[in-house]
Amino acid sequence: MKRRDFLSLAAAPALPALAWAQEKSRLKITDIKIVKTRPSKPYPPYTPAADAWSTQGVEVANPVSIYPEYKPRRELFGATNVPSFTVEVTTDKGLKGYGNGGPGGGQIVTGHLAKLMMGRDPFDIERNWDICWRSTMSYGRMGVTMNAISGFDMALWDIVGKALNMPVYRLLGGETKDRVPCYCTGNDIEQHVEFGYKMLKLAIPHGPASGRAGMKENVELVKRARKAVGPDGEIMLDCWMAWTERYTVEMAEMLEPYRIYWMEEVLQPHDYAGFGRLNTTLKSTRIATGEHEYGRYGFRYLLEAHGASIWQPDIQWCGGLTELRRIAAMASAYDIPVIPHGGGLNGSTHFTIANVNAPWAELFLPAPGGPKEVYSRFEENYSISRGPDGIYMRPPDRPGWGWEIEVVG
């Protein structure tokens, strides 16, 4: 990055003031604990179709694919005792907020953040966030500590919304669009198109460890998707940190006839320079990344490297909604769209509907093979509608995040 460009980073816009944040709520945090929850309206149990990709008994490219014993499925190397979590924050008026955070963060919430946050006003969003950040930076500025801050921060936004009887997107300034266009992630391609999706993101099965044969299988998957979605639909690729620069360039050349909208997480997240070279070199597609990036400082590294045309922070990992707003403000100064990872499921749709620079949301679809009630419940849960872009959704209009959940432990 040229010196002039670097200095211009200071021109990123300040966050707009939030009117409600100027008042004291007269609430105090009295309890912070990790709980287990379940949907109030769960899907009925069913056995998915035997050949459904969504059962996850399939190969998906990943960083550990270079070792044969971990190549067949992500679950073979994924953590089993480092769970994601839900935190329940209670106030002296009995009002409770819930927030979800990433793997390993729960112990940080109860073992460290709780003693700092007890007795504080949950409306002091910025102050509370900054205390959590400054107190944990000595042992983690990315990963587990940010997962913890994310979950706690989201619980505070839930409390604020409930206290003011407003959905979170209203707290952010209201709607910038009537509904949010959605793309569907997964490789049950025909099911997704039949449901109405016109934008698909494929989980790419192979990386360099699968050689030339794997590259050809990747192409066949994309070819199948293009046939299903038609010439005007959009196709994105999730490469989940499994590729190399050279492999990405070669795959981009092989896939150029199929018009790929973006290639996501082609490299490991710390390779800012590599992302920058690809983002500058490739002309047939866009480079997207950010789901495994943390906080505004991590995204500043990505910005300085010109590393991506689309940013994908995850609200449950990047620092919560408070930090997502800062990340998005920086992106908006450079006309970089922000499309949060998992944004249709984890609360980010509140952010998306309230921000002009956030055009789409990521959704999924229950595995094929279920009764009609499963897919009707899905449509109800996410306020699904249909239109020129295929599938749309809206965040709940209930106060806070609007999640319909029950605490079970």
Protein backbone atom coordinates (compact mmCIF):
# COMPACT_ATOMS: atom_id res chain seq x y z
CA MET A 1 0.00 0.00 0.00
CA LYS A 2 1.31 3.45 -0.91
CA ARG A 3 1.98 5.93 1.90
CA ARG A 4 -0.83 8.19 0.70
CA ASP A 5 -3.26 5.27 0.72
CA PHE A 6 -2.10 4.19 4.16
CA LEU A 7 -2.56 7.66 5.62
CA SER A 8 -6.01 7.84 4.08
CA LEU A 9 -7.15 5.06 6.39
CA ALA A 10 -7.71 7.83 8.90
CA ALA A 11 -10.54 9.02 6.66
CA ALA A 12 -12.76 6.07 7.59
CA PRO A 13 -16.05 7.51 8.86
CA ALA A 14 -16.85 7.72 12.54
CA LEU A 15 -19.70 5.55 13.75
CA PRO A 16 -23.03 7.39 13.78
CA ALA A 17 -24.29 8.30 17.23
CA LEU A 18 -27.05 6.12 18.63
CA ALA A 19 -29.72 8.24 20.29
CA TRP A 20 -30.69 5.63 22.85
CA ALA A 21 -27.08 5.28 24.04
CA GLN A 22 -27.07 8.83 25.44
CA GLU A 23 -29.35 7.82 28.30
CA LYS A 24 -28.72 5.77 31.41
CA SER A 25 -31.04 2.79 31.62
CA ARG A 26 -31.05 2.46 35.41
CA LEU A 27 -30.45 -1.24 34.82
CA LYS A 28 -27.61 -3.13 36.47
CA ILE A 29 -26.13 -6.48 35.46
CA THR A 30 -26.65 -8.93 38.33
CA ASP A 31 -25.85 -12.33 36.81
CA ILE A 32 -23.84 -13.72 33.90
CA LYS A 33 -23.86 -17.43 33.14
CA ILE A 34 -23.55 -19.93 30.30
CA VAL A 35 -26.79 -21.73 29.43
CA LYS A 36 -28.04 -24.27 26.95
CA THR A 37 -30.98 -23.33 24.77
CA ARG A 38 -33.24 -24.91 22.20
CA PRO A 39 -35.69 -23.47 19.67
CA SER A 40 -39.20 -22.93 20.99
CA LYS A 41 -40.48 -24.36 17.70
CA PRO A 42 -38.01 -27.10 16.73
CA TYR A 43 -38.10 -28.90 13.41
CA PRO A 44 -39.76 -32.31 13.61
CA PRO A 45 -37.18 -35.11 13.63
CA TYR A 46 -36.59 -36.94 10.38
CA THR A 47 -33.98 -38.99 8.54
CA PRO A 48 -32.48 -37.00 5.66
CA ALA A 49 -32.32 -38.50 2.19
CA ALA A 50 -29.49 -41.01 1.98
CA ASP A 51 -27.59 -39.06 -0.67
CA ALA A 52 -28.05 -35.64 0.96
CA TRP A 53 -24.90 -33.53 1.11
CA SER A 54 -26.25 -31.83 4.22
CA THR A 55 -25.68 -34.94 6.33
CA GLN A 56 -21.99 -33.81 6.27
CA GLY A 57 -20.65 -37.30 5.74
CA VAL A 58 -18.74 -35.90 2.78
CA GLU A 59 -15.32 -34.59 1.94
CA VAL A 60 -14.87 -30.83 2.17
CA ALA A 61 -11.58 -29.06 1.51
CA ASN A 62 -9.91 -27.88 4.71
CA PRO A 63 -6.47 -26.80 6.01
CA VAL A 64 -5.75 -30.29 7.38
CA SER A 65 -6.51 -32.04 4.07
CA ILE A 66 -2.78 -32.51 3.47
CA TYR A 67 -2.90 -35.32 6.07
CA PRO A 68 -4.81 -38.35 4.71
CA GLU A 69 -6.24 -39.38 8.07
CA TYR A 70 -8.11 -36.05 8.37
CA LYS A 71 -9.03 -35.54 4.72
CA PRO A 72 -12.42 -37.31 4.42
CA ARG A 73 -14.48 -35.09 6.79
CA ARG A 74 -14.02 -31.96 8.88
CA GLU A 75 -15.36 -33.73 11.97
CA LEU A 76 -12.23 -35.91 12.04
CA PHE A 77 -10.08 -32.97 13.16
CA GLY A 78 -12.66 -30.58 14.64
CA ALA A 79 -12.71 -29.85 18.36
CA THR A 80 -15.23 -31.83 20.40
CA ASN A 81 -14.64 -30.31 23.86
CA VAL A 82 -14.27 -26.64 22.88
CA PRO A 83 -17.89 -25.69 22.25
CA SER A 84 -19.54 -22.51 21.11
CA PHE A 85 -21.77 -21.07 23.81
CA THR A 86 -24.82 -19.04 24.76
CA VAL A 87 -24.48 -16.50 27.58
CA GLU A 88 -27.43 -15.30 29.63
CA VAL A 89 -27.06 -11.83 31.15
CA THR A 90 -29.60 -10.88 33.83
CA THR A 91 -30.36 -7.40 35.18
CA ASP A 92 -31.74 -6.20 38.51
CA LYS A 93 -35.14 -5.66 36.86
CA GLY A 94 -35.33 -9.29 35.77
CA LEU A 95 -34.68 -8.47 32.11
CA LYS A 96 -32.48 -11.08 30.41
CA GLY A 97 -30.41 -10.97 27.24
CA TYR A 98 -28.90 -13.83 25.28
CA GLY A 99 -25.83 -13.87 23.08
CA ASN A 100 -23.99 -16.55 21.14
CA GLY A 101 -20.21 -16.71 20.95
CA GLY A 102 -17.63 -18.88 19.24
CA PRO A 103 -15.66 -21.96 20.33
CA GLY A 104 -13.95 -21.82 23.70
CA GLY A 105 -15.29 -18.40 24.64
CA GLY A 106 -17.66 -19.47 27.38
CA GLN A 107 -14.97 -20.04 29.99
CA ILE A 108 -13.51 -16.58 29.31
CA VAL A 109 -16.95 -15.03 29.88
CA THR A 110 -17.53 -16.71 33.23
CA GLY A 111 -13.91 -16.81 34.37
CA HIS A 112 -12.89 -13.26 33.49
CA LEU A 113 -15.46 -10.94 31.93
CA ALA A 114 -18.19 -11.64 34.49
CA LYS A 115 -16.29 -10.11 37.41
CA LEU A 116 -15.65 -6.96 35.36
CA MET A 117 -19.20 -6.54 34.12
CA MET A 118 -21.21 -7.27 37.25
CA GLY A 119 -23.14 -4.21 38.40
CA ARG A 120 -22.63 -2.30 35.14
CA ASP A 121 -25.28 -0.65 33.02
CA PRO A 122 -25.90 -2.85 29.94
CA PHE A 123 -26.69 0.29 27.90
CA ASP A 124 -23.02 1.34 28.16
CA ILE A 125 -22.27 -0.78 25.10
CA GLU A 126 -19.06 0.98 24.01
CA ARG A 127 -17.57 1.28 27.50
CA ASN A 128 -18.37 -2.32 28.39
CA TRP A 129 -16.88 -3.59 25.12
CA ASP A 130 -13.69 -1.60 25.61
CA ILE A 131 -13.20 -2.90 29.15
CA CYS A 132 -13.58 -6.48 27.91
CA TRP A 133 -11.13 -5.84 25.07
CA ARG A 134 -8.45 -4.13 27.15
CA SER A 135 -8.64 -6.69 29.93
CA THR A 136 -8.13 -9.70 27.64
CA MET A 137 -5.57 -8.39 25.13
CA SER A 138 -2.66 -9.61 27.28
CA TYR A 139 -3.54 -13.19 26.42
CA GLY A 140 -5.57 -12.99 23.22
CA ARG A 141 -6.57 -10.42 20.62
CA MET A 142 -8.00 -12.94 18.15
CA GLY A 143 -9.74 -16.26 18.47
CA VAL A 144 -11.06 -17.42 21.82
CA THR A 145 -11.06 -14.09 23.68
CA MET A 146 -12.88 -12.37 20.81
CA ASN A 147 -15.34 -15.27 20.71
CA ALA A 148 -16.05 -14.52 24.37
CA ILE A 149 -16.46 -10.77 23.86
CA SER A 150 -18.73 -11.43 20.89
CA GLY A 151 -21.22 -13.51 22.85
CA PHE A 152 -21.31 -11.13 25.80
CA ASP A 153 -21.71 -8.09 23.54
CA MET A 154 -24.60 -9.70 21.69
CA ALA A 155 -26.37 -10.37 24.99
CA LEU A 156 -26.15 -6.67 25.87
CA TRP A 157 -27.70 -5.65 22.55
CA ASP A 158 -30.50 -8.13 23.25
CA ILE A 159 -31.13 -6.47 26.64
CA VAL A 160 -31.16 -2.97 25.12
CA GLY A 161 -33.66 -4.03 22.47
CA LYS A 162 -35.92 -5.68 25.03
CA ALA A 163 -35.69 -2.72 27.41
CA LEU A 164 -36.71 -0.30 24.63
CA ASN A 165 -39.18 -2.77 23.05
CA MET A 166 -37.36 -2.54 19.72
CA PRO A 167 -35.69 -5.07 17.42
CA VAL A 168 -31.95 -4.63 17.12
CA TYR A 169 -32.15 -3.28 13.58
CA ARG A 170 -34.24 -0.38 14.88
CA LEU A 171 -31.52 0.37 17.42
CA LEU A 172 -29.11 0.67 14.47
CA GLY A 173 -31.25 3.23 12.65
CA GLY A 174 -33.93 1.17 10.95
CA GLU A 175 -34.28 -0.44 7.55
CA THR A 176 -32.33 0.44 4.42
CA LYS A 177 -34.24 -2.21 2.45
CA ASP A 178 -37.58 -3.97 2.84
CA ARG A 179 -36.05 -7.46 2.85
CA VAL A 180 -32.65 -9.09 2.44
CA PRO A 181 -31.67 -11.18 -0.61
CA CYS A 182 -30.17 -14.53 0.42
CA TYR A 183 -27.79 -17.07 -1.00
CA CYS A 184 -27.82 -20.70 0.09
CA THR A 185 -24.70 -22.56 1.21
CA GLY A 186 -24.36 -26.27 0.57
CA ASN A 187 -24.15 -28.80 -2.19
CA ASP A 188 -27.72 -30.11 -2.27
CA ILE A 189 -27.91 -27.98 -5.40
CA GLU A 190 -31.10 -29.22 -7.00
CA GLN A 191 -33.05 -29.00 -3.73
CA HIS A 192 -31.89 -25.41 -3.21
CA VAL A 193 -32.86 -24.33 -6.72
CA GLU A 194 -36.23 -26.06 -6.49
CA PHE A 195 -36.90 -24.20 -3.22
CA GLY A 196 -36.30 -20.93 -5.04
CA TYR A 197 -32.68 -19.90 -4.48
CA LYS A 198 -30.97 -18.17 -7.40
CA MET A 199 -27.69 -17.61 -5.56
CA LEU A 200 -25.69 -20.65 -4.43
CA LYS A 201 -22.48 -21.05 -2.48
CA LEU A 202 -20.79 -24.40 -2.96
CA ALA A 203 -18.65 -26.14 -0.35
CA ILE A 204 -15.66 -27.08 -2.48
CA PRO A 205 -14.65 -30.68 -1.83
CA HIS A 206 -11.02 -30.62 -2.97
CA GLY A 207 -7.78 -28.72 -2.60
CA PRO A 208 -4.16 -29.30 -3.64
CA ALA A 209 -3.98 -32.58 -1.71
CA SER A 210 -6.41 -34.14 -4.23
CA GLY A 211 -4.27 -33.28 -7.25
CA ARG A 212 -5.51 -32.82 -10.79
CA ALA A 213 -8.34 -35.29 -10.30
CA GLY A 214 -9.70 -33.17 -7.47
CA MET A 215 -9.55 -30.05 -9.60
CA LYS A 216 -11.65 -31.78 -12.25
CA GLU A 217 -14.20 -32.83 -9.61
CA ASN A 218 -14.41 -29.23 -8.41
CA VAL A 219 -15.13 -28.13 -11.97
CA GLU A 220 -17.84 -30.76 -12.37
CA LEU A 221 -19.54 -29.55 -9.17
CA VAL A 222 -19.54 -25.96 -10.45
CA LYS A 223 -20.74 -27.09 -13.88
CA ARG A 224 -23.65 -28.89 -12.22
CA ALA A 225 -24.53 -25.77 -10.23
CA ARG A 226 -24.43 -23.52 -13.29
CA LYS A 227 -26.76 -25.87 -15.15
CA ALA A 228 -29.18 -25.88 -12.21
CA VAL A 229 -29.23 -22.15 -11.46
CA GLY A 230 -29.12 -21.00 -15.09
CA PRO A 231 -27.01 -18.34 -16.81
CA ASP A 232 -28.25 -15.45 -14.66
CA GLY A 233 -27.92 -17.02 -11.22
CA GLU A 234 -24.90 -16.45 -9.00
CA ILE A 235 -22.37 -19.08 -7.87
CA MET A 236 -19.87 -18.61 -5.07
CA LEU A 237 -17.20 -21.01 -3.80
CA ASP A 238 -16.31 -21.70 -0.17
CA CYS A 239 -12.72 -23.00 -0.17
CA TRP A 240 -12.30 -22.91 3.64
CA MET A 241 -8.62 -22.01 3.95
CA ALA A 242 -7.56 -25.07 1.93
CA TRP A 243 -6.01 -23.69 -1.27
CA THR A 244 -2.72 -22.07 -2.25
CA GLU A 245 -2.08 -19.08 -4.49
CA ARG A 246 -1.02 -21.20 -7.45
CA TYR A 247 -3.95 -23.58 -7.02
CA THR A 248 -6.37 -20.64 -6.83
CA VAL A 249 -5.05 -19.12 -10.05
CA GLU A 250 -5.35 -22.44 -11.87
CA MET A 251 -8.86 -23.08 -10.55
CA ALA A 252 -9.94 -19.58 -11.54
CA GLU A 253 -8.75 -20.25 -15.10
CA MET A 254 -10.57 -23.60 -15.24
CA LEU A 255 -13.78 -22.09 -13.85
CA GLU A 256 -13.85 -18.90 -15.88
CA PRO A 257 -16.49 -20.23 -18.33
CA TYR A 258 -18.92 -20.70 -15.43
CA ARG A 259 -18.81 -17.08 -14.14
CA ILE A 260 -17.99 -17.42 -10.46
CA TYR A 261 -19.12 -14.44 -8.39
CA TRP A 262 -16.56 -14.94 -5.63
CA MET A 263 -13.98 -17.37 -4.26
CA GLU A 264 -14.05 -17.40 -0.47
CA GLU A 265 -11.24 -18.08 2.00
CA VAL A 266 -8.94 -19.56 -0.61
CA LEU A 267 -5.90 -19.06 1.66
CA GLN A 268 -5.21 -19.32 5.36
CA PRO A 269 -6.48 -16.14 7.07
CA HIS A 270 -3.10 -14.77 8.12
CA ASP A 271 -1.78 -14.65 4.53
CA TYR A 272 -2.73 -11.03 3.89
CA ALA A 273 -0.06 -10.57 1.23
CA GLY A 274 -1.24 -13.66 -0.65
CA PHE A 275 -4.83 -12.46 -0.59
CA GLY A 276 -3.65 -9.11 -1.87
CA ARG A 277 -1.82 -10.63 -4.82
CA LEU A 278 -4.82 -12.74 -5.78
CA ASN A 279 -7.28 -9.89 -5.36
CA THR A 280 -5.15 -7.76 -7.66
CA THR A 281 -4.35 -10.46 -10.22
CA LEU A 282 -7.63 -12.32 -10.72
CA LYS A 283 -10.07 -10.62 -13.08
CA SER A 284 -12.65 -13.38 -13.64
CA THR A 285 -13.94 -13.43 -10.04
CA ARG A 286 -13.83 -11.63 -6.68
CA ILE A 287 -11.88 -12.59 -3.57
CA ALA A 288 -13.95 -12.77 -0.38
CA THR A 289 -12.73 -13.54 3.13
CA GLY A 290 -13.03 -12.57 6.77
CA GLU A 291 -15.04 -15.19 8.62
CA HIS A 292 -11.87 -16.15 10.52
CA GLU A 293 -10.68 -12.57 10.94
CA TYR A 294 -11.09 -10.80 14.27
CA GLY A 295 -11.84 -7.20 15.13
CA ARG A 296 -11.19 -3.98 13.29
CA TYR A 297 -7.44 -4.32 13.63
CA GLY A 298 -7.45 -7.65 11.82
CA PHE A 299 -9.59 -6.17 9.05
CA ARG A 300 -7.23 -3.20 8.86
CA TYR A 301 -4.45 -5.65 7.97
CA LEU A 302 -6.70 -7.04 5.24
CA LEU A 303 -7.45 -3.53 4.00
CA GLU A 304 -3.79 -2.50 3.92
CA ALA A 305 -3.04 -5.58 1.79
CA HIS A 306 -5.97 -4.87 -0.58
CA GLY A 307 -6.78 -8.45 0.32
CA ALA A 308 -10.45 -8.85 -0.56
CA SER A 309 -13.26 -7.31 -2.58
CA ILE A 310 -15.87 -8.57 -0.09
CA TRP A 311 -15.54 -8.79 3.71
CA GLN A 312 -17.27 -11.57 5.68
CA PRO A 313 -16.94 -11.01 9.44
CA ASP A 314 -18.86 -13.37 11.71
CA ILE A 315 -20.80 -11.49 14.40
CA GLN A 316 -20.27 -14.35 16.90
CA TRP A 317 -16.47 -14.31 16.41
CA CYS A 318 -15.35 -10.87 15.25
CA GLY A 319 -16.24 -9.00 18.45
CA GLY A 320 -20.03 -8.92 18.36
CA LEU A 321 -22.29 -6.29 16.87
CA THR A 322 -20.34 -3.45 18.48
CA GLU A 323 -17.15 -4.40 16.64
CA LEU A 324 -18.99 -5.40 13.47
CA ARG A 325 -20.23 -1.81 13.21
CA ARG A 326 -16.64 -0.52 13.36
CA ILE A 327 -15.49 -3.02 10.76
CA ALA A 328 -18.35 -2.04 8.49
CA ALA A 329 -17.64 1.68 8.87
CA MET A 330 -14.07 1.09 7.70
CA ALA A 331 -15.27 -1.02 4.76
CA SER A 332 -17.82 1.59 3.69
CA ALA A 333 -15.10 4.21 3.22
CA TYR A 334 -13.60 1.97 0.53
CA ASP A 335 -16.86 0.70 -1.00
CA ILE A 336 -16.11 -2.85 0.16
CA PRO A 337 -19.39 -4.77 0.66
CA VAL A 338 -19.82 -6.50 4.02
CA ILE A 339 -21.68 -9.82 3.82
CA PRO A 340 -21.41 -11.44 7.27
CA HIS A 341 -20.62 -15.14 7.53
CA GLY A 342 -23.71 -17.11 8.55
CA GLY A 343 -25.58 -13.82 8.54
CA GLY A 344 -29.05 -15.23 8.05
CA LEU A 345 -28.79 -17.46 11.10
CA ASN A 346 -26.73 -15.73 13.77
CA GLY A 347 -28.38 -12.33 14.13
CA SER A 348 -26.42 -10.49 11.48
CA THR A 349 -29.54 -9.90 9.40
CA HIS A 350 -30.37 -7.07 11.81
CA PHE A 351 -27.08 -5.46 10.77
CA THR A 352 -27.63 -6.26 7.10
CA ILE A 353 -31.11 -4.77 6.79
CA ALA A 354 -29.88 -1.62 8.56
CA ASN A 355 -26.81 -1.05 6.35
CA VAL A 356 -26.72 0.03 2.71
CA ASN A 357 -23.28 -1.54 2.27
CA ALA A 358 -24.49 -5.01 3.33
CA PRO A 359 -26.33 -6.43 0.32
CA TRP A 360 -26.92 -10.14 1.03
CA ALA A 361 -27.34 -12.69 3.80
CA GLU A 362 -26.13 -16.28 3.98
CA LEU A 363 -28.79 -18.91 4.64
CA PHE A 364 -28.97 -22.68 4.53
CA LEU A 365 -31.83 -25.11 4.05
CA PRO A 366 -32.79 -28.17 6.11
CA ALA A 367 -31.49 -31.35 4.53
CA PRO A 368 -33.67 -32.94 1.86
CA GLY A 369 -35.89 -35.87 2.71
CA GLY A 370 -38.01 -34.30 5.44
CA PRO A 371 -41.77 -33.80 5.68
CA LYS A 372 -43.33 -30.60 4.34
CA GLU A 373 -43.59 -29.22 7.87
CA VAL A 374 -39.79 -28.92 8.10
CA TYR A 375 -39.52 -26.53 5.17
CA SER A 376 -42.69 -24.64 6.12
CA ARG A 377 -41.20 -24.08 9.58
CA PHE A 378 -37.98 -22.87 7.97
CA GLU A 379 -39.93 -20.33 5.92
CA GLU A 380 -41.79 -19.17 9.02
CA ASN A 381 -38.65 -18.89 11.16
CA TYR A 382 -36.84 -16.66 8.67
CA SER A 383 -39.81 -14.77 7.17
CA ILE A 384 -38.96 -16.17 3.74
CA SER A 385 -40.33 -14.51 0.63
CA ARG A 386 -39.51 -14.76 -3.06
CA GLY A 387 -38.66 -12.25 -5.74
CA PRO A 388 -36.27 -11.35 -8.58
CA ASP A 389 -33.16 -12.40 -6.59
CA GLY A 390 -34.74 -15.69 -5.52
CA ILE A 391 -35.05 -16.07 -1.75
CA TYR A 392 -35.35 -13.18 0.69
CA MET A 393 -35.61 -13.01 4.46
CA ARG A 394 -36.23 -10.47 7.21
CA PRO A 395 -35.00 -10.32 10.80
CA PRO A 396 -37.62 -10.75 13.49
CA ASP A 397 -39.59 -7.67 14.56
CA ARG A 398 -39.70 -8.90 18.15
CA PRO A 399 -37.62 -6.93 20.71
CA GLY A 400 -33.88 -7.56 20.84
CA TRP A 401 -32.63 -10.29 18.53
CA GLY A 402 -36.12 -11.74 18.51
CA TRP A 403 -34.94 -15.30 18.97
CA GLU A 404 -37.64 -17.76 20.04
CA ILE A 405 -35.65 -19.98 22.39
CA GLU A 406 -36.05 -21.86 25.65
CA VAL A 407 -33.35 -22.30 28.28
CA VAL A 408 -32.81 -25.98 29.05
CA GLY A 409 -29.77 -25.85 31.33
